[in-house]
Amino acid sequence: YNIAACAKHFAGYGAAEGGRDYNATYIPEPTLRQVYLAPFKSAV
């Protein structure tokens, strides 16, 4: 019954401008790595 998981959405999607879906995200690299990429690194 095991199924493949998929870590999504790589990456920064949750920071969409104005909370509007599909919008651009602008995240400085230190913040990107320390905050937004951390769960994905853990998922690997």
ModelCIF file with pLDDT and N, C-alpha, C, O atoms, coordinates in Angstrom:
data_MODEL
#
_entry.id   MODEL 
#
_entity.id                         1 
_entity.type                       polymer 
_entity.pdbx_number_of_molecules   1 
#
_entity_poly.entity_id                      1 
_entity_poly.type                           'polypeptide(L)' 
_entity_poly.nstd_linkage                   no 
_entity_poly.nstd_monomer                   no 
_entity_poly.pdbx_seq_one_letter_code       YNIAACAKHFAGYGAAEGGRDYNATYIPEPTLRQVYLAPFKSAV 
_entity_poly.pdbx_seq_one_letter_code_can   YNIAACAKHFAGYGAAEGGRDYNATYIPEPTLRQVYLAPFKSAV 
_entity_poly.pdbx_strand_id                 A 
#
loop_
_entity_poly_seq.entity_id 
_entity_poly_seq.num 
_entity_poly_seq.mon_id 
_entity_poly_seq.hetero 
1 1  TYR n 
1 2  ASN n 
1 3  ILE n 
1 4  ALA n 
1 5  ALA n 
1 6  CYS n 
1 7  ALA n 
1 8  LYS n 
1 9  HIS n 
1 10 PHE n 
1 11 ALA n 
1 12 GLY n 
1 13 TYR n 
1 14 GLY n 
1 15 ALA n 
1 16 ALA n 
1 17 GLU n 
1 18 GLY n 
1 19 GLY n 
1 20 ARG n 
1 21 ASP n 
1 22 TYR n 
1 23 ASN n 
1 24 ALA n 
1 25 THR n 
1 26 TYR n 
1 27 ILE n 
1 28 PRO n 
1 29 GLU n 
1 30 PRO n 
1 31 THR n 
1 32 LEU n 
1 33 ARG n 
1 34 GLN n 
1 35 VAL n 
1 36 TYR n 
1 37 LEU n 
1 38 ALA n 
1 39 PRO n 
1 40 PHE n 
1 41 LYS n 
1 42 SER n 
1 43 ALA n 
1 44 VAL n 
#
_struct_asym.id          A 
_struct_asym.entity_id   1 
#
loop_
_ma_qa_metric.id 
_ma_qa_metric.mode 
_ma_qa_metric.name 
_ma_qa_metric.software_group_id 
_ma_qa_metric.type 
1 global pLDDT . pLDDT 
2 local  pLDDT . pLDDT 
#
_ma_qa_metric_global.metric_id      1 
_ma_qa_metric_global.metric_value   97.27 
_ma_qa_metric_global.model_id       1 
_ma_qa_metric_global.ordinal_id     1 
#
loop_
_ma_qa_metric_local.label_asym_id 
_ma_qa_metric_local.label_comp_id 
_ma_qa_metric_local.label_seq_id 
_ma_qa_metric_local.metric_id 
_ma_qa_metric_local.metric_value 
_ma_qa_metric_local.model_id 
_ma_qa_metric_local.ordinal_id 
A TYR 1  2 93.00 1 1  
A ASN 2  2 96.00 1 2  
A ILE 3  2 98.00 1 3  
A ALA 4  2 98.00 1 4  
A ALA 5  2 98.00 1 5  
A CYS 6  2 98.00 1 6  
A ALA 7  2 98.00 1 7  
A LYS 8  2 98.00 1 8  
A HIS 9  2 97.00 1 9  
A PHE 10 2 98.00 1 10 
A ALA 11 2 97.00 1 11 
A GLY 12 2 97.00 1 12 
A TYR 13 2 98.00 1 13 
A GLY 14 2 97.00 1 14 
A ALA 15 2 97.00 1 15 
A ALA 16 2 97.00 1 16 
A GLU 17 2 96.00 1 17 
A GLY 18 2 96.00 1 18 
A GLY 19 2 96.00 1 19 
A ARG 20 2 97.00 1 20 
A ASP 21 2 96.00 1 21 
A TYR 22 2 96.00 1 22 
A ASN 23 2 96.00 1 23 
A ALA 24 2 96.00 1 24 
A THR 25 2 97.00 1 25 
A TYR 26 2 97.00 1 26 
A ILE 27 2 98.00 1 27 
A PRO 28 2 97.00 1 28 
A GLU 29 2 98.00 1 29 
A PRO 30 2 97.00 1 30 
A THR 31 2 98.00 1 31 
A LEU 32 2 98.00 1 32 
A ARG 33 2 98.00 1 33 
A GLN 34 2 98.00 1 34 
A VAL 35 2 98.00 1 35 
A TYR 36 2 98.00 1 36 
A LEU 37 2 98.00 1 37 
A ALA 38 2 98.00 1 38 
A PRO 39 2 98.00 1 39 
A PHE 40 2 98.00 1 40 
A LYS 41 2 98.00 1 41 
A SER 42 2 98.00 1 42 
A ALA 43 2 98.00 1 43 
A VAL 44 2 98.00 1 44 
#
loop_
_atom_site.group_PDB 
_atom_site.id 
_atom_site.type_symbol 
_atom_site.label_atom_id 
_atom_site.label_alt_id 
_atom_site.label_comp_id 
_atom_site.label_asym_id 
_atom_site.label_entity_id 
_atom_site.label_seq_id 
_atom_site.pdbx_PDB_ins_code 
_atom_site.Cartn_x 
_atom_site.Cartn_y 
_atom_site.Cartn_z 
_atom_site.occupancy 
_atom_site.B_iso_or_equiv 
_atom_site.pdbx_formal_charge 
_atom_site.auth_seq_id 
_atom_site.auth_comp_id 
_atom_site.auth_asym_id 
_atom_site.auth_atom_id 
_atom_site.pdbx_PDB_model_num 
ATOM 1   N N  . TYR A 1 1  ? 0.805  -1.219 0.000  1.00 93.00 ? 1  TYR A N  1 
ATOM 2   C CA . TYR A 1 1  ? 0.000  0.000  0.000  1.00 93.00 ? 1  TYR A CA 1 
ATOM 3   C C  . TYR A 1 1  ? 0.841  1.274  0.000  1.00 93.00 ? 1  TYR A C  1 
ATOM 4   O O  . TYR A 1 1  ? 0.279  2.368  -0.017 1.00 93.00 ? 1  TYR A O  1 
ATOM 5   N N  . ASN A 1 2  ? 2.164  1.167  0.019  1.00 96.00 ? 2  ASN A N  1 
ATOM 6   C CA . ASN A 1 2  ? 2.981  2.375  0.009  1.00 96.00 ? 2  ASN A CA 1 
ATOM 7   C C  . ASN A 1 2  ? 2.809  3.125  -1.306 1.00 96.00 ? 2  ASN A C  1 
ATOM 8   O O  . ASN A 1 2  ? 2.763  2.516  -2.375 1.00 96.00 ? 2  ASN A O  1 
ATOM 9   N N  . ILE A 1 3  ? 2.715  4.449  -1.221 1.00 98.00 ? 3  ILE A N  1 
ATOM 10  C CA . ILE A 1 3  ? 2.635  5.274  -2.421 1.00 98.00 ? 3  ILE A CA 1 
ATOM 11  C C  . ILE A 1 3  ? 3.714  6.350  -2.345 1.00 98.00 ? 3  ILE A C  1 
ATOM 12  O O  . ILE A 1 3  ? 4.158  6.724  -1.259 1.00 98.00 ? 3  ILE A O  1 
ATOM 13  N N  . ALA A 1 4  ? 4.125  6.835  -3.494 1.00 98.00 ? 4  ALA A N  1 
ATOM 14  C CA . ALA A 1 4  ? 5.181  7.848  -3.543 1.00 98.00 ? 4  ALA A CA 1 
ATOM 15  C C  . ALA A 1 4  ? 4.645  9.189  -3.072 1.00 98.00 ? 4  ALA A C  1 
ATOM 16  O O  . ALA A 1 4  ? 3.578  9.627  -3.502 1.00 98.00 ? 4  ALA A O  1 
ATOM 17  N N  . ALA A 1 5  ? 5.383  9.833  -2.194 1.00 98.00 ? 5  ALA A N  1 
ATOM 18  C CA . ALA A 1 5  ? 5.060  11.191 -1.765 1.00 98.00 ? 5  ALA A CA 1 
ATOM 19  C C  . ALA A 1 5  ? 5.700  12.179 -2.731 1.00 98.00 ? 5  ALA A C  1 
ATOM 20  O O  . ALA A 1 5  ? 6.616  11.838 -3.480 1.00 98.00 ? 5  ALA A O  1 
ATOM 21  N N  . CYS A 1 6  ? 5.202  13.403 -2.698 1.00 98.00 ? 6  CYS A N  1 
ATOM 22  C CA . CYS A 1 6  ? 5.736  14.461 -3.554 1.00 98.00 ? 6  CYS A CA 1 
ATOM 23  C C  . CYS A 1 6  ? 5.847  15.736 -2.730 1.00 98.00 ? 6  CYS A C  1 
ATOM 24  O O  . CYS A 1 6  ? 4.832  16.308 -2.333 1.00 98.00 ? 6  CYS A O  1 
ATOM 25  N N  . ALA A 1 7  ? 7.056  16.180 -2.474 1.00 98.00 ? 7  ALA A N  1 
ATOM 26  C CA . ALA A 1 7  ? 7.272  17.429 -1.733 1.00 98.00 ? 7  ALA A CA 1 
ATOM 27  C C  . ALA A 1 7  ? 6.994  18.601 -2.671 1.00 98.00 ? 7  ALA A C  1 
ATOM 28  O O  . ALA A 1 7  ? 7.623  18.746 -3.720 1.00 98.00 ? 7  ALA A O  1 
ATOM 29  N N  . LYS A 1 8  ? 6.031  19.435 -2.263 1.00 98.00 ? 8  LYS A N  1 
ATOM 30  C CA . LYS A 1 8  ? 5.665  20.542 -3.133 1.00 98.00 ? 8  LYS A CA 1 
ATOM 31  C C  . LYS A 1 8  ? 5.368  21.779 -2.272 1.00 98.00 ? 8  LYS A C  1 
ATOM 32  O O  . LYS A 1 8  ? 5.153  21.657 -1.066 1.00 98.00 ? 8  LYS A O  1 
ATOM 33  N N  . HIS A 1 9  ? 5.354  22.965 -2.888 1.00 97.00 ? 9  HIS A N  1 
ATOM 34  C CA . HIS A 1 9  ? 5.762  23.269 -4.253 1.00 97.00 ? 9  HIS A CA 1 
ATOM 35  C C  . HIS A 1 9  ? 7.141  23.893 -4.160 1.00 97.00 ? 9  HIS A C  1 
ATOM 36  O O  . HIS A 1 9  ? 7.329  24.895 -3.469 1.00 97.00 ? 9  HIS A O  1 
ATOM 37  N N  . PHE A 1 10 ? 8.087  23.316 -4.839 1.00 98.00 ? 10 PHE A N  1 
ATOM 38  C CA . PHE A 1 10 ? 9.478  23.728 -4.734 1.00 98.00 ? 10 PHE A CA 1 
ATOM 39  C C  . PHE A 1 10 ? 9.730  24.877 -5.706 1.00 98.00 ? 10 PHE A C  1 
ATOM 40  O O  . PHE A 1 10 ? 9.704  24.666 -6.918 1.00 98.00 ? 10 PHE A O  1 
ATOM 41  N N  . ALA A 1 11 ? 9.972  26.083 -5.205 1.00 97.00 ? 11 ALA A N  1 
ATOM 42  C CA . ALA A 1 11 ? 9.985  26.509 -3.811 1.00 97.00 ? 11 ALA A CA 1 
ATOM 43  C C  . ALA A 1 11 ? 9.588  27.985 -3.766 1.00 97.00 ? 11 ALA A C  1 
ATOM 44  O O  . ALA A 1 11 ? 9.659  28.705 -4.762 1.00 97.00 ? 11 ALA A O  1 
ATOM 45  N N  . GLY A 1 12 ? 9.161  28.410 -2.552 1.00 97.00 ? 12 GLY A N  1 
ATOM 46  C CA . GLY A 1 12 ? 8.802  29.792 -2.304 1.00 97.00 ? 12 GLY A CA 1 
ATOM 47  C C  . GLY A 1 12 ? 7.386  30.151 -2.674 1.00 97.00 ? 12 GLY A C  1 
ATOM 48  O O  . GLY A 1 12 ? 7.005  31.317 -2.565 1.00 97.00 ? 12 GLY A O  1 
ATOM 49  N N  . TYR A 1 13 ? 6.586  29.186 -3.111 1.00 98.00 ? 13 TYR A N  1 
ATOM 50  C CA . TYR A 1 13 ? 5.229  29.448 -3.601 1.00 98.00 ? 13 TYR A CA 1 
ATOM 51  C C  . TYR A 1 13 ? 4.347  30.091 -2.532 1.00 98.00 ? 13 TYR A C  1 
ATOM 52  O O  . TYR A 1 13 ? 3.465  30.888 -2.851 1.00 98.00 ? 13 TYR A O  1 
ATOM 53  N N  . GLY A 1 14 ? 4.583  29.745 -1.256 1.00 97.00 ? 14 GLY A N  1 
ATOM 54  C CA . GLY A 1 14 ? 3.762  30.276 -0.178 1.00 97.00 ? 14 GLY A CA 1 
ATOM 55  C C  . GLY A 1 14 ? 3.953  31.753 0.090  1.00 97.00 ? 14 GLY A C  1 
ATOM 56  O O  . GLY A 1 14 ? 3.214  32.335 0.884  1.00 97.00 ? 14 GLY A O  1 
ATOM 57  N N  . ALA A 1 15 ? 4.929  32.371 -0.556 1.00 97.00 ? 15 ALA A N  1 
ATOM 58  C CA . ALA A 1 15 ? 5.193  33.799 -0.357 1.00 97.00 ? 15 ALA A CA 1 
ATOM 59  C C  . ALA A 1 15 ? 4.640  34.643 -1.497 1.00 97.00 ? 15 ALA A C  1 
ATOM 60  O O  . ALA A 1 15 ? 5.136  35.741 -1.752 1.00 97.00 ? 15 ALA A O  1 
ATOM 61  N N  . ALA A 1 16 ? 3.616  34.140 -2.187 1.00 97.00 ? 16 ALA A N  1 
ATOM 62  C CA . ALA A 1 16 ? 3.037  34.860 -3.322 1.00 97.00 ? 16 ALA A CA 1 
ATOM 63  C C  . ALA A 1 16 ? 2.629  36.273 -2.921 1.00 97.00 ? 16 ALA A C  1 
ATOM 64  O O  . ALA A 1 16 ? 2.011  36.476 -1.876 1.00 97.00 ? 16 ALA A O  1 
ATOM 65  N N  . GLU A 1 17 ? 2.977  37.245 -3.757 1.00 96.00 ? 17 GLU A N  1 
ATOM 66  C CA . GLU A 1 17 ? 2.687  38.649 -3.469 1.00 96.00 ? 17 GLU A CA 1 
ATOM 67  C C  . GLU A 1 17 ? 1.208  38.860 -3.182 1.00 96.00 ? 17 GLU A C  1 
ATOM 68  O O  . GLU A 1 17 ? 0.346  38.405 -3.934 1.00 96.00 ? 17 GLU A O  1 
ATOM 69  N N  . GLY A 1 18 ? 0.921  39.562 -2.077 1.00 96.00 ? 18 GLY A N  1 
ATOM 70  C CA . GLY A 1 18 ? -0.441 39.912 -1.728 1.00 96.00 ? 18 GLY A CA 1 
ATOM 71  C C  . GLY A 1 18 ? -1.316 38.727 -1.379 1.00 96.00 ? 18 GLY A C  1 
ATOM 72  O O  . GLY A 1 18 ? -2.531 38.875 -1.247 1.00 96.00 ? 18 GLY A O  1 
ATOM 73  N N  . GLY A 1 19 ? -0.713 37.533 -1.223 1.00 96.00 ? 19 GLY A N  1 
ATOM 74  C CA . GLY A 1 19 ? -1.504 36.344 -0.980 1.00 96.00 ? 19 GLY A CA 1 
ATOM 75  C C  . GLY A 1 19 ? -2.310 35.903 -2.189 1.00 96.00 ? 19 GLY A C  1 
ATOM 76  O O  . GLY A 1 19 ? -3.217 35.080 -2.063 1.00 96.00 ? 19 GLY A O  1 
ATOM 77  N N  . ARG A 1 20 ? -1.987 36.447 -3.373 1.00 97.00 ? 20 ARG A N  1 
ATOM 78  C CA . ARG A 1 20 ? -2.714 36.098 -4.598 1.00 97.00 ? 20 ARG A CA 1 
ATOM 79  C C  . ARG A 1 20 ? -2.050 34.886 -5.240 1.00 97.00 ? 20 ARG A C  1 
ATOM 80  O O  . ARG A 1 20 ? -0.859 34.906 -5.554 1.00 97.00 ? 20 ARG A O  1 
ATOM 81  N N  . ASP A 1 21 ? -2.833 33.839 -5.428 1.00 96.00 ? 21 ASP A N  1 
ATOM 82  C CA . ASP A 1 21 ? -2.280 32.590 -5.938 1.00 96.00 ? 21 ASP A CA 1 
ATOM 83  C C  . ASP A 1 21 ? -1.613 32.790 -7.296 1.00 96.00 ? 21 ASP A C  1 
ATOM 84  O O  . ASP A 1 21 ? -2.026 33.620 -8.106 1.00 96.00 ? 21 ASP A O  1 
ATOM 85  N N  . TYR A 1 22 ? -0.569 31.998 -7.509 1.00 96.00 ? 22 TYR A N  1 
ATOM 86  C CA . TYR A 1 22 ? 0.230  31.970 -8.738 1.00 96.00 ? 22 TYR A CA 1 
ATOM 87  C C  . TYR A 1 22 ? 1.128  33.193 -8.898 1.00 96.00 ? 22 TYR A C  1 
ATOM 88  O O  . TYR A 1 22 ? 1.874  33.275 -9.874 1.00 96.00 ? 22 TYR A O  1 
ATOM 89  N N  . ASN A 1 23 ? 1.076  34.143 -7.966 1.00 96.00 ? 23 ASN A N  1 
ATOM 90  C CA . ASN A 1 23 ? 1.834  35.374 -8.152 1.00 96.00 ? 23 ASN A CA 1 
ATOM 91  C C  . ASN A 1 23 ? 3.325  35.188 -7.900 1.00 96.00 ? 23 ASN A C  1 
ATOM 92  O O  . ASN A 1 23 ? 3.773  34.182 -7.350 1.00 96.00 ? 23 ASN A O  1 
ATOM 93  N N  . ALA A 1 24 ? 4.068  36.195 -8.322 1.00 96.00 ? 24 ALA A N  1 
ATOM 94  C CA . ALA A 1 24 ? 5.519  36.170 -8.179 1.00 96.00 ? 24 ALA A CA 1 
ATOM 95  C C  . ALA A 1 24 ? 5.925  36.156 -6.714 1.00 96.00 ? 24 ALA A C  1 
ATOM 96  O O  . ALA A 1 24 ? 5.207  36.653 -5.847 1.00 96.00 ? 24 ALA A O  1 
ATOM 97  N N  . THR A 1 25 ? 7.089  35.576 -6.458 1.00 97.00 ? 25 THR A N  1 
ATOM 98  C CA . THR A 1 25 ? 7.680  35.600 -5.123 1.00 97.00 ? 25 THR A CA 1 
ATOM 99  C C  . THR A 1 25 ? 9.090  36.164 -5.224 1.00 97.00 ? 25 THR A C  1 
ATOM 100 O O  . THR A 1 25 ? 9.870  35.789 -6.099 1.00 97.00 ? 25 THR A O  1 
ATOM 101 N N  . TYR A 1 26 ? 9.390  37.067 -4.314 1.00 97.00 ? 26 TYR A N  1 
ATOM 102 C CA . TYR A 1 26 ? 10.720 37.670 -4.248 1.00 97.00 ? 26 TYR A CA 1 
ATOM 103 C C  . TYR A 1 26 ? 11.255 37.437 -2.848 1.00 97.00 ? 26 TYR A C  1 
ATOM 104 O O  . TYR A 1 26 ? 10.782 38.038 -1.884 1.00 97.00 ? 26 TYR A O  1 
ATOM 105 N N  . ILE A 1 27 ? 12.239 36.564 -2.742 1.00 98.00 ? 27 ILE A N  1 
ATOM 106 C CA . ILE A 1 27 ? 12.751 36.139 -1.442 1.00 98.00 ? 27 ILE A CA 1 
ATOM 107 C C  . ILE A 1 27 ? 14.275 36.233 -1.464 1.00 98.00 ? 27 ILE A C  1 
ATOM 108 O O  . ILE A 1 27 ? 14.910 35.555 -2.272 1.00 98.00 ? 27 ILE A O  1 
ATOM 109 N N  . PRO A 1 28 ? 14.878 37.051 -0.606 1.00 97.00 ? 28 PRO A N  1 
ATOM 110 C CA . PRO A 1 28 ? 16.336 37.107 -0.543 1.00 97.00 ? 28 PRO A CA 1 
ATOM 111 C C  . PRO A 1 28 ? 16.910 35.719 -0.272 1.00 97.00 ? 28 PRO A C  1 
ATOM 112 O O  . PRO A 1 28 ? 16.313 34.933 0.464  1.00 97.00 ? 28 PRO A O  1 
ATOM 113 N N  . GLU A 1 29 ? 18.053 35.419 -0.858 1.00 98.00 ? 29 GLU A N  1 
ATOM 114 C CA . GLU A 1 29 ? 18.592 34.065 -0.756 1.00 98.00 ? 29 GLU A CA 1 
ATOM 115 C C  . GLU A 1 29 ? 18.820 33.592 0.678  1.00 98.00 ? 29 GLU A C  1 
ATOM 116 O O  . GLU A 1 29 ? 18.528 32.431 0.963  1.00 98.00 ? 29 GLU A O  1 
ATOM 117 N N  . PRO A 1 30 ? 19.319 34.410 1.590  1.00 97.00 ? 30 PRO A N  1 
ATOM 118 C CA . PRO A 1 30 ? 19.458 33.904 2.964  1.00 97.00 ? 30 PRO A CA 1 
ATOM 119 C C  . PRO A 1 30 ? 18.126 33.469 3.567  1.00 97.00 ? 30 PRO A C  1 
ATOM 120 O O  . PRO A 1 30 ? 18.048 32.425 4.214  1.00 97.00 ? 30 PRO A O  1 
ATOM 121 N N  . THR A 1 31 ? 17.078 34.267 3.357  1.00 98.00 ? 31 THR A N  1 
ATOM 122 C CA . THR A 1 31 ? 15.753 33.904 3.865  1.00 98.00 ? 31 THR A CA 1 
ATOM 123 C C  . THR A 1 31 ? 15.213 32.695 3.126  1.00 98.00 ? 31 THR A C  1 
ATOM 124 O O  . THR A 1 31 ? 14.599 31.819 3.736  1.00 98.00 ? 31 THR A O  1 
ATOM 125 N N  . LEU A 1 32 ? 15.432 32.636 1.829  1.00 98.00 ? 32 LEU A N  1 
ATOM 126 C CA . LEU A 1 32 ? 14.993 31.492 1.043  1.00 98.00 ? 32 LEU A CA 1 
ATOM 127 C C  . LEU A 1 32 ? 15.585 30.204 1.594  1.00 98.00 ? 32 LEU A C  1 
ATOM 128 O O  . LEU A 1 32 ? 14.876 29.217 1.789  1.00 98.00 ? 32 LEU A O  1 
ATOM 129 N N  . ARG A 1 33 ? 16.882 30.222 1.840  1.00 98.00 ? 33 ARG A N  1 
ATOM 130 C CA . ARG A 1 33 ? 17.553 29.012 2.311  1.00 98.00 ? 33 ARG A CA 1 
ATOM 131 C C  . ARG A 1 33 ? 17.179 28.680 3.752  1.00 98.00 ? 33 ARG A C  1 
ATOM 132 O O  . ARG A 1 33 ? 16.947 27.516 4.079  1.00 98.00 ? 33 ARG A O  1 
ATOM 133 N N  . GLN A 1 34 ? 17.118 29.676 4.601  1.00 98.00 ? 34 GLN A N  1 
ATOM 134 C CA . GLN A 1 34 ? 16.918 29.431 6.027  1.00 98.00 ? 34 GLN A CA 1 
ATOM 135 C C  . GLN A 1 34 ? 15.464 29.099 6.352  1.00 98.00 ? 34 GLN A C  1 
ATOM 136 O O  . GLN A 1 34 ? 15.197 28.321 7.268  1.00 98.00 ? 34 GLN A O  1 
ATOM 137 N N  . VAL A 1 35 ? 14.528 29.679 5.616  1.00 98.00 ? 35 VAL A N  1 
ATOM 138 C CA . VAL A 1 35 ? 13.113 29.511 5.948  1.00 98.00 ? 35 VAL A CA 1 
ATOM 139 C C  . VAL A 1 35 ? 12.399 28.627 4.925  1.00 98.00 ? 35 VAL A C  1 
ATOM 140 O O  . VAL A 1 35 ? 11.855 27.582 5.281  1.00 98.00 ? 35 VAL A O  1 
ATOM 141 N N  . TYR A 1 36 ? 12.400 29.040 3.670  1.00 98.00 ? 36 TYR A N  1 
ATOM 142 C CA . TYR A 1 36 ? 11.538 28.401 2.681  1.00 98.00 ? 36 TYR A CA 1 
ATOM 143 C C  . TYR A 1 36 ? 12.097 27.089 2.136  1.00 98.00 ? 36 TYR A C  1 
ATOM 144 O O  . TYR A 1 36 ? 11.326 26.206 1.763  1.00 98.00 ? 36 TYR A O  1 
ATOM 145 N N  . LEU A 1 37 ? 13.414 26.945 2.081  1.00 98.00 ? 37 LEU A N  1 
ATOM 146 C CA . LEU A 1 37 ? 13.989 25.701 1.575  1.00 98.00 ? 37 LEU A CA 1 
ATOM 147 C C  . LEU A 1 37 ? 14.183 24.648 2.656  1.00 98.00 ? 37 LEU A C  1 
ATOM 148 O O  . LEU A 1 37 ? 14.315 23.463 2.350  1.00 98.00 ? 37 LEU A O  1 
ATOM 149 N N  . ALA A 1 38 ? 14.202 25.064 3.911  1.00 98.00 ? 38 ALA A N  1 
ATOM 150 C CA . ALA A 1 38 ? 14.521 24.130 4.996  1.00 98.00 ? 38 ALA A CA 1 
ATOM 151 C C  . ALA A 1 38 ? 13.624 22.894 5.012  1.00 98.00 ? 38 ALA A C  1 
ATOM 152 O O  . ALA A 1 38 ? 14.151 21.787 5.131  1.00 98.00 ? 38 ALA A O  1 
ATOM 153 N N  . PRO A 1 39 ? 12.297 23.017 4.899  1.00 98.00 ? 39 PRO A N  1 
ATOM 154 C CA . PRO A 1 39 ? 11.472 21.799 4.903  1.00 98.00 ? 39 PRO A CA 1 
ATOM 155 C C  . PRO A 1 39 ? 11.737 20.890 3.706  1.00 98.00 ? 39 PRO A C  1 
ATOM 156 O O  . PRO A 1 39 ? 11.598 19.671 3.815  1.00 98.00 ? 39 PRO A O  1 
ATOM 157 N N  . PHE A 1 40 ? 12.116 21.465 2.570  1.00 98.00 ? 40 PHE A N  1 
ATOM 158 C CA . PHE A 1 40 ? 12.394 20.653 1.389  1.00 98.00 ? 40 PHE A CA 1 
ATOM 159 C C  . PHE A 1 40 ? 13.702 19.891 1.537  1.00 98.00 ? 40 PHE A C  1 
ATOM 160 O O  . PHE A 1 40 ? 13.809 18.738 1.119  1.00 98.00 ? 40 PHE A O  1 
ATOM 161 N N  . LYS A 1 41 ? 14.686 20.535 2.127  1.00 98.00 ? 41 LYS A N  1 
ATOM 162 C CA . LYS A 1 41 ? 15.938 19.831 2.407  1.00 98.00 ? 41 LYS A CA 1 
ATOM 163 C C  . LYS A 1 41 ? 15.670 18.663 3.345  1.00 98.00 ? 41 LYS A C  1 
ATOM 164 O O  . LYS A 1 41 ? 16.213 17.572 3.169  1.00 98.00 ? 41 LYS A O  1 
ATOM 165 N N  . SER A 1 42 ? 14.835 18.903 4.335  1.00 98.00 ? 42 SER A N  1 
ATOM 166 C CA . SER A 1 42 ? 14.468 17.857 5.271  1.00 98.00 ? 42 SER A CA 1 
ATOM 167 C C  . SER A 1 42 ? 13.724 16.732 4.562  1.00 98.00 ? 42 SER A C  1 
ATOM 168 O O  . SER A 1 42 ? 13.906 15.562 4.898  1.00 98.00 ? 42 SER A O  1 
ATOM 169 N N  . ALA A 1 43 ? 12.880 17.077 3.576  1.00 98.00 ? 43 ALA A N  1 
ATOM 170 C CA . ALA A 1 43 ? 12.129 16.068 2.829  1.00 98.00 ? 43 ALA A CA 1 
ATOM 171 C C  . ALA A 1 43 ? 13.045 15.177 2.002  1.00 98.00 ? 43 ALA A C  1 
ATOM 172 O O  . ALA A 1 43 ? 12.784 13.982 1.864  1.00 98.00 ? 43 ALA A O  1 
ATOM 173 N N  . VAL A 1 44 ? 14.110 15.741 1.454  1.00 98.00 ? 44 VAL A N  1 
ATOM 174 C CA . VAL A 1 44 ? 15.090 14.926 0.729  1.00 98.00 ? 44 VAL A CA 1 
ATOM 175 C C  . VAL A 1 44 ? 15.690 13.892 1.670  1.00 98.00 ? 44 VAL A C  1 
ATOM 176 O O  . VAL A 1 44 ? 16.539 13.101 1.258  1.00 98.00 ? 44 VAL A O  1 
#
